[in-house]
N, C-alpha and C. Protein backbone atom coordinates (compact mmCIF):
# COMPACT_ATOMS: atom_id res chain seq x y z
N UNK A 1 -39.63 -102.96 19.12
CA UNK A 1 -40.30 -102.31 20.22
C UNK A 1 -40.13 -103.17 21.48
N UNK A 2 -39.87 -102.49 22.59
CA UNK A 2 -39.66 -103.20 23.85
C UNK A 2 -40.99 -103.54 24.52
N UNK A 3 -41.06 -104.70 25.11
CA UNK A 3 -42.21 -105.02 25.94
C UNK A 3 -41.99 -104.41 27.30
N UNK A 4 -43.02 -104.40 28.14
CA UNK A 4 -42.89 -103.82 29.47
C UNK A 4 -41.73 -104.43 30.24
N UNK A 5 -41.60 -105.74 30.17
CA UNK A 5 -40.55 -106.40 30.94
C UNK A 5 -39.16 -106.10 30.40
N UNK A 6 -39.05 -105.69 29.13
CA UNK A 6 -37.76 -105.38 28.53
C UNK A 6 -37.38 -103.91 28.72
N UNK A 7 -38.33 -103.06 29.04
CA UNK A 7 -38.07 -101.64 29.15
C UNK A 7 -37.48 -101.34 30.52
N UNK A 8 -36.16 -101.28 30.58
CA UNK A 8 -35.47 -101.07 31.86
C UNK A 8 -35.63 -99.65 32.38
N UNK A 9 -36.15 -98.75 31.56
CA UNK A 9 -36.37 -97.37 31.98
C UNK A 9 -37.76 -97.18 32.59
N UNK A 10 -38.56 -98.25 32.64
CA UNK A 10 -39.92 -98.19 33.18
C UNK A 10 -39.88 -98.37 34.69
N UNK A 11 -39.52 -97.30 35.40
CA UNK A 11 -39.32 -97.39 36.84
C UNK A 11 -40.49 -96.80 37.64
N UNK A 12 -41.50 -96.30 36.94
CA UNK A 12 -42.63 -95.67 37.61
C UNK A 12 -43.80 -96.64 37.71
N UNK A 13 -44.75 -96.38 38.61
CA UNK A 13 -45.91 -97.25 38.74
C UNK A 13 -46.58 -97.48 37.39
N UNK A 14 -47.06 -98.70 37.18
CA UNK A 14 -47.70 -99.04 35.92
C UNK A 14 -46.71 -99.28 34.80
N UNK A 15 -45.45 -99.58 35.15
CA UNK A 15 -44.39 -99.80 34.16
C UNK A 15 -44.22 -98.61 33.23
N UNK A 16 -44.31 -97.42 33.77
CA UNK A 16 -44.15 -96.21 32.98
C UNK A 16 -42.70 -95.72 33.02
N UNK A 17 -42.28 -95.14 31.92
CA UNK A 17 -40.98 -94.49 31.84
C UNK A 17 -41.11 -93.08 32.43
N UNK A 18 -40.00 -92.40 32.69
CA UNK A 18 -40.10 -91.01 33.14
C UNK A 18 -40.89 -90.14 32.16
N UNK A 19 -40.69 -90.37 30.87
CA UNK A 19 -41.41 -89.59 29.85
C UNK A 19 -42.92 -89.83 29.93
N UNK A 20 -43.31 -91.07 30.12
CA UNK A 20 -44.74 -91.39 30.22
C UNK A 20 -45.34 -90.82 31.50
N UNK A 21 -44.61 -90.92 32.60
CA UNK A 21 -45.09 -90.37 33.87
C UNK A 21 -45.28 -88.86 33.74
N UNK A 22 -44.26 -88.18 33.18
CA UNK A 22 -44.34 -86.73 33.01
C UNK A 22 -45.55 -86.36 32.15
N UNK A 23 -45.73 -87.06 31.05
CA UNK A 23 -46.86 -86.77 30.16
C UNK A 23 -48.20 -86.94 30.87
N UNK A 24 -48.30 -87.94 31.72
CA UNK A 24 -49.56 -88.22 32.40
C UNK A 24 -49.80 -87.31 33.60
N UNK A 25 -48.77 -87.05 34.38
CA UNK A 25 -48.96 -86.35 35.67
C UNK A 25 -48.55 -84.88 35.67
N UNK A 26 -47.67 -84.48 34.77
CA UNK A 26 -47.06 -83.15 34.89
C UNK A 26 -47.40 -82.20 33.73
N UNK A 27 -47.48 -82.75 32.53
CA UNK A 27 -47.57 -81.92 31.33
C UNK A 27 -48.82 -81.04 31.28
N UNK A 28 -49.91 -81.48 31.88
CA UNK A 28 -51.13 -80.69 31.81
C UNK A 28 -50.94 -79.29 32.42
N UNK A 29 -50.15 -79.18 33.46
CA UNK A 29 -49.88 -77.87 34.08
C UNK A 29 -48.55 -77.26 33.62
N UNK A 30 -47.54 -78.12 33.44
CA UNK A 30 -46.19 -77.62 33.17
C UNK A 30 -45.79 -77.63 31.70
N UNK A 31 -46.64 -78.13 30.82
CA UNK A 31 -46.33 -78.18 29.39
C UNK A 31 -45.60 -79.46 29.01
N UNK A 32 -45.66 -79.81 27.74
CA UNK A 32 -45.07 -81.06 27.25
C UNK A 32 -43.57 -81.14 27.47
N UNK A 33 -42.91 -79.99 27.51
CA UNK A 33 -41.46 -79.93 27.70
C UNK A 33 -41.08 -79.06 28.90
N UNK A 34 -42.01 -78.94 29.86
CA UNK A 34 -41.73 -78.14 31.05
C UNK A 34 -41.62 -76.66 30.78
N UNK A 35 -42.26 -76.21 29.69
CA UNK A 35 -42.10 -74.82 29.24
C UNK A 35 -43.12 -73.85 29.85
N UNK A 36 -44.11 -74.35 30.57
CA UNK A 36 -45.12 -73.48 31.18
C UNK A 36 -44.78 -73.25 32.65
N UNK A 37 -45.28 -72.14 33.19
CA UNK A 37 -45.03 -71.83 34.59
C UNK A 37 -46.20 -72.26 35.48
N UNK A 38 -46.84 -73.36 35.14
CA UNK A 38 -47.93 -73.92 35.91
C UNK A 38 -49.10 -72.96 35.93
N UNK A 39 -49.77 -72.83 37.04
CA UNK A 39 -50.96 -72.00 37.12
C UNK A 39 -50.68 -70.65 37.76
N UNK A 40 -49.46 -70.45 38.22
CA UNK A 40 -49.12 -69.19 38.88
C UNK A 40 -48.07 -68.45 38.06
N UNK A 41 -48.36 -67.22 37.67
CA UNK A 41 -47.42 -66.48 36.83
C UNK A 41 -46.09 -66.17 37.52
N UNK A 42 -46.03 -66.27 38.84
CA UNK A 42 -44.79 -65.98 39.55
C UNK A 42 -43.84 -67.18 39.60
N UNK A 43 -44.32 -68.36 39.21
CA UNK A 43 -43.47 -69.56 39.25
C UNK A 43 -42.53 -69.58 38.06
N UNK A 44 -41.34 -70.15 38.29
CA UNK A 44 -40.37 -70.28 37.20
C UNK A 44 -40.76 -71.42 36.28
N UNK A 45 -40.28 -71.34 35.06
CA UNK A 45 -40.49 -72.40 34.08
C UNK A 45 -39.56 -73.56 34.46
N UNK A 46 -40.11 -74.76 34.53
CA UNK A 46 -39.37 -75.93 35.01
C UNK A 46 -38.13 -76.25 34.19
N UNK A 47 -38.22 -76.13 32.88
CA UNK A 47 -37.09 -76.55 32.05
C UNK A 47 -35.93 -75.56 32.07
N UNK A 48 -36.02 -74.56 32.91
CA UNK A 48 -34.92 -73.59 33.09
C UNK A 48 -34.21 -73.79 34.43
N UNK A 49 -34.58 -74.86 35.14
CA UNK A 49 -34.04 -75.13 36.48
C UNK A 49 -33.13 -76.35 36.41
N UNK A 50 -32.07 -76.35 37.21
CA UNK A 50 -31.12 -77.46 37.20
C UNK A 50 -31.73 -78.75 37.75
N UNK A 51 -31.15 -79.85 37.37
CA UNK A 51 -31.59 -81.16 37.86
C UNK A 51 -31.57 -81.22 39.38
N UNK A 52 -30.49 -80.72 39.99
CA UNK A 52 -30.37 -80.77 41.44
C UNK A 52 -31.43 -79.93 42.14
N UNK A 53 -31.72 -78.76 41.58
CA UNK A 53 -32.75 -77.91 42.19
C UNK A 53 -34.14 -78.53 42.01
N UNK A 54 -34.39 -79.11 40.84
CA UNK A 54 -35.67 -79.78 40.61
C UNK A 54 -35.86 -80.91 41.60
N UNK A 55 -34.80 -81.70 41.81
CA UNK A 55 -34.87 -82.81 42.77
C UNK A 55 -35.21 -82.27 44.16
N UNK A 56 -34.51 -81.23 44.57
CA UNK A 56 -34.71 -80.64 45.89
C UNK A 56 -36.14 -80.10 46.06
N UNK A 57 -36.64 -79.42 45.06
CA UNK A 57 -37.99 -78.86 45.12
C UNK A 57 -39.03 -79.98 45.23
N UNK A 58 -38.84 -81.04 44.42
CA UNK A 58 -39.79 -82.16 44.47
C UNK A 58 -39.75 -82.86 45.82
N UNK A 59 -38.57 -83.03 46.39
CA UNK A 59 -38.46 -83.64 47.72
C UNK A 59 -39.14 -82.76 48.77
N UNK A 60 -38.96 -81.45 48.66
CA UNK A 60 -39.63 -80.53 49.58
C UNK A 60 -41.15 -80.67 49.48
N UNK A 61 -41.66 -80.74 48.26
CA UNK A 61 -43.11 -80.93 48.09
C UNK A 61 -43.56 -82.22 48.75
N UNK A 62 -42.79 -83.28 48.59
CA UNK A 62 -43.14 -84.55 49.24
C UNK A 62 -43.20 -84.41 50.76
N UNK A 63 -42.40 -83.51 51.29
CA UNK A 63 -42.36 -83.29 52.74
C UNK A 63 -43.30 -82.18 53.20
N UNK A 64 -44.17 -81.71 52.29
CA UNK A 64 -45.15 -80.70 52.65
C UNK A 64 -44.62 -79.29 52.68
N UNK A 65 -43.46 -79.07 52.09
CA UNK A 65 -42.85 -77.74 52.06
C UNK A 65 -42.91 -77.22 50.63
N UNK A 66 -43.41 -76.02 50.46
CA UNK A 66 -43.48 -75.44 49.12
C UNK A 66 -44.47 -74.30 49.06
N UNK A 67 -44.79 -73.91 47.86
CA UNK A 67 -45.67 -72.78 47.63
C UNK A 67 -47.14 -73.12 47.75
N UNK A 68 -47.95 -72.30 47.12
CA UNK A 68 -49.40 -72.40 47.22
C UNK A 68 -49.95 -73.72 46.67
N UNK A 69 -49.24 -74.33 45.76
CA UNK A 69 -49.73 -75.56 45.14
C UNK A 69 -49.11 -76.82 45.73
N UNK A 70 -48.57 -76.71 46.95
CA UNK A 70 -47.87 -77.86 47.53
C UNK A 70 -48.79 -79.07 47.73
N UNK A 71 -50.04 -78.86 48.02
CA UNK A 71 -50.96 -80.00 48.19
C UNK A 71 -51.16 -80.73 46.86
N UNK A 72 -51.28 -79.97 45.79
CA UNK A 72 -51.40 -80.58 44.46
C UNK A 72 -50.14 -81.34 44.11
N UNK A 73 -49.00 -80.73 44.36
CA UNK A 73 -47.73 -81.38 44.03
C UNK A 73 -47.49 -82.61 44.90
N UNK A 74 -47.89 -82.57 46.13
CA UNK A 74 -47.74 -83.74 47.00
C UNK A 74 -48.54 -84.92 46.44
N UNK A 75 -49.73 -84.64 45.95
CA UNK A 75 -50.55 -85.69 45.33
C UNK A 75 -49.84 -86.30 44.12
N UNK A 76 -49.23 -85.47 43.30
CA UNK A 76 -48.56 -85.95 42.10
C UNK A 76 -47.30 -86.76 42.42
N UNK A 77 -46.60 -86.39 43.47
CA UNK A 77 -45.32 -87.02 43.82
C UNK A 77 -45.45 -88.10 44.88
N UNK A 78 -46.64 -88.26 45.43
CA UNK A 78 -46.85 -89.23 46.50
C UNK A 78 -46.42 -90.63 46.09
N UNK A 79 -45.62 -91.26 46.92
CA UNK A 79 -45.20 -92.63 46.69
C UNK A 79 -43.96 -92.80 45.83
N UNK A 80 -43.45 -91.71 45.25
CA UNK A 80 -42.25 -91.83 44.43
C UNK A 80 -41.01 -91.91 45.32
N UNK A 81 -40.05 -92.73 44.93
CA UNK A 81 -38.80 -92.83 45.67
C UNK A 81 -37.75 -91.90 45.07
N UNK A 82 -36.59 -91.85 45.69
CA UNK A 82 -35.53 -90.94 45.23
C UNK A 82 -35.07 -91.25 43.81
N UNK A 83 -35.02 -92.52 43.44
CA UNK A 83 -34.61 -92.89 42.08
C UNK A 83 -35.60 -92.33 41.06
N UNK A 84 -36.88 -92.45 41.36
CA UNK A 84 -37.91 -91.96 40.45
C UNK A 84 -37.89 -90.43 40.36
N UNK A 85 -37.73 -89.78 41.50
CA UNK A 85 -37.66 -88.32 41.49
C UNK A 85 -36.41 -87.85 40.75
N UNK A 86 -35.31 -88.54 40.94
CA UNK A 86 -34.08 -88.20 40.22
C UNK A 86 -34.24 -88.35 38.72
N UNK A 87 -34.91 -89.42 38.29
CA UNK A 87 -35.15 -89.63 36.86
C UNK A 87 -36.05 -88.55 36.29
N UNK A 88 -37.05 -88.16 37.05
CA UNK A 88 -37.95 -87.11 36.62
C UNK A 88 -37.22 -85.77 36.54
N UNK A 89 -36.39 -85.47 37.53
CA UNK A 89 -35.60 -84.23 37.52
C UNK A 89 -34.65 -84.21 36.33
N UNK A 90 -34.02 -85.34 36.03
CA UNK A 90 -33.11 -85.42 34.88
C UNK A 90 -33.86 -85.18 33.58
N UNK A 91 -35.02 -85.78 33.45
CA UNK A 91 -35.83 -85.59 32.25
C UNK A 91 -36.21 -84.13 32.06
N UNK A 92 -36.72 -83.51 33.10
CA UNK A 92 -37.16 -82.12 33.01
C UNK A 92 -36.00 -81.20 32.69
N UNK A 93 -34.86 -81.42 33.35
CA UNK A 93 -33.67 -80.60 33.08
C UNK A 93 -33.22 -80.77 31.62
N UNK A 94 -33.38 -81.98 31.08
CA UNK A 94 -32.95 -82.23 29.70
C UNK A 94 -33.81 -81.47 28.69
N UNK A 95 -35.04 -81.14 29.04
CA UNK A 95 -35.90 -80.38 28.15
C UNK A 95 -35.30 -79.01 27.83
N UNK A 96 -34.58 -78.43 28.79
CA UNK A 96 -34.02 -77.10 28.61
C UNK A 96 -32.63 -77.08 28.02
N UNK A 97 -32.03 -78.25 27.82
CA UNK A 97 -30.67 -78.32 27.27
C UNK A 97 -30.72 -78.00 25.79
N UNK A 98 -29.72 -77.31 25.34
CA UNK A 98 -29.64 -76.94 23.92
C UNK A 98 -28.79 -77.94 23.16
């Protein structure tokens, strides 16, 4: 088992991996594997969206652009850099891969 200092994938605050960050900040609304459409039935399921589109949507939320839940999403993404958002987008996209 890796210690925090050995876990090179722990790029999120609190030495969290993308998987740990997603479980803590995202899964409650979006499901453990991005399979839920959040709280709005008109939203797409995250694990059906490409990595590039996920990255773009998350960056837009950081910039205050988005749908009805943009304030909630801004809180979740606040302080994340492009590397962290890219890792999160890659993780979510991988949930939908067969």
